[in-house]
Amino acid sequence: MWGIFIGLGLGVLEVLFLKKLIAMMTADKRNTAIAVPLTIAKLALILVVLWLMARFISLEAMIWCAAGVAAAMIGIPVVTGILTIKKYRQSGGEQK
């Protein structure tokens, strides 16, 4: 079950890295050529960590790790979106 903590850490790292990649791509179009391989490497990192967990630890640990990655990569954007909506409504952005 401790694999979930590795998965949560990896998921948080992936979300933060994705935000940096998006900022890099939107800042300058020349950075797109660099960002695409980095995005592929980011996804490969998840696969490598899951493979290492399954190969050297156990399949159960790999499943817990995958659950942690999924929870972080789904939960962080949902919570961020909810907080953004609440902030928007409090600032008077609500249309009637």
Protein backbone atom coordinates (compact mmCIF):
# COMPACT_ATOMS: atom_id res chain seq x y z
CA MET A 1 0.00 0.00 0.00
CA TRP A 2 2.98 2.33 0.37
CA GLY A 3 3.16 2.40 -3.43
CA ILE A 4 0.25 4.86 -3.40
CA PHE A 5 2.54 7.47 -1.84
CA ILE A 6 5.08 6.99 -4.61
CA GLY A 7 2.23 7.30 -7.09
CA LEU A 8 0.88 10.46 -5.49
CA GLY A 9 4.35 12.01 -5.57
CA LEU A 10 4.82 11.02 -9.19
CA GLY A 11 1.37 12.35 -10.09
CA VAL A 12 2.03 15.71 -8.43
CA LEU A 13 5.37 15.90 -10.23
CA GLU A 14 3.67 15.15 -13.54
CA VAL A 15 1.01 17.84 -13.05
CA LEU A 16 3.61 20.46 -12.10
CA PHE A 17 5.77 19.46 -15.05
CA LEU A 18 2.76 19.71 -17.36
CA LYS A 19 2.04 23.24 -16.16
CA LYS A 20 5.66 24.23 -16.86
CA LEU A 21 5.49 22.66 -20.33
CA ILE A 22 2.30 24.52 -21.18
CA ALA A 23 3.82 27.80 -19.99
CA MET A 24 6.93 27.08 -22.06
CA MET A 25 4.93 26.29 -25.21
CA THR A 26 2.65 29.30 -24.95
CA ALA A 27 5.50 31.73 -24.27
CA ASP A 28 7.31 31.10 -27.54
CA LYS A 29 6.56 28.92 -30.55
CA ARG A 30 10.22 27.94 -30.86
CA ASN A 31 9.95 26.07 -27.57
CA THR A 32 7.37 23.68 -29.04
CA ALA A 33 10.10 21.58 -30.64
CA ILE A 34 11.61 21.06 -27.20
CA ALA A 35 8.32 20.59 -25.35
CA VAL A 36 7.03 17.69 -27.46
CA PRO A 37 9.92 15.32 -26.63
CA LEU A 38 9.73 16.43 -23.00
CA THR A 39 6.04 15.54 -22.94
CA ILE A 40 6.81 12.10 -24.35
CA ALA A 41 9.57 11.67 -21.75
CA LYS A 42 7.12 12.71 -19.02
CA LEU A 43 4.72 9.96 -20.03
CA ALA A 44 7.57 7.46 -20.37
CA LEU A 45 8.61 8.26 -16.79
CA ILE A 46 5.27 7.02 -15.52
CA LEU A 47 5.59 3.80 -17.52
CA VAL A 48 9.14 3.19 -16.33
CA VAL A 49 8.24 3.71 -12.67
CA LEU A 50 5.23 1.39 -12.97
CA TRP A 51 7.31 -1.24 -14.76
CA LEU A 52 10.02 -1.05 -12.08
CA MET A 53 7.41 -1.42 -9.35
CA ALA A 54 5.87 -4.46 -11.05
CA ARG A 55 9.19 -6.08 -11.93
CA PHE A 56 11.16 -5.62 -8.74
CA ILE A 57 8.58 -5.14 -5.99
CA SER A 58 5.15 -6.62 -6.74
CA LEU A 59 2.17 -6.31 -9.00
CA GLU A 60 0.06 -5.14 -6.07
CA ALA A 61 2.50 -2.29 -5.36
CA MET A 62 2.36 -1.31 -9.03
CA ILE A 63 -1.43 -1.17 -8.92
CA TRP A 64 -1.35 1.04 -5.80
CA CYS A 65 1.23 3.26 -7.48
CA ALA A 66 -0.93 3.57 -10.60
CA ALA A 67 -3.91 4.45 -8.40
CA GLY A 68 -1.88 7.20 -6.73
CA VAL A 69 -0.77 8.60 -10.08
CA ALA A 70 -4.34 8.59 -11.36
CA ALA A 71 -5.70 10.18 -8.19
CA ALA A 72 -3.15 12.99 -8.30
CA MET A 73 -3.46 13.63 -12.04
CA ILE A 74 -7.26 13.75 -11.84
CA GLY A 75 -7.68 15.29 -8.39
CA ILE A 76 -5.31 18.24 -8.69
CA PRO A 77 -6.93 19.73 -11.84
CA VAL A 78 -10.43 19.17 -10.40
CA VAL A 79 -9.59 20.90 -7.11
CA THR A 80 -7.78 23.71 -8.96
CA GLY A 81 -10.79 24.19 -11.24
CA ILE A 82 -13.22 24.31 -8.32
CA LEU A 83 -11.07 26.89 -6.53
CA THR A 84 -10.85 28.97 -9.72
CA ILE A 85 -14.64 28.91 -10.14
CA LYS A 86 -15.15 29.95 -6.52
CA LYS A 87 -12.66 32.80 -6.92
CA TYR A 88 -14.36 33.92 -10.14
CA ARG A 89 -17.79 33.96 -8.48
CA GLN A 90 -16.50 35.89 -5.47
CA SER A 91 -14.98 38.56 -7.70
CA GLY A 92 -18.38 39.32 -9.25
CA GLY A 93 -17.85 37.43 -12.50
CA GLU A 94 -21.23 35.74 -12.24
CA GLN A 95 -23.62 36.70 -15.04
CA LYS A 96 -27.35 36.80 -14.44
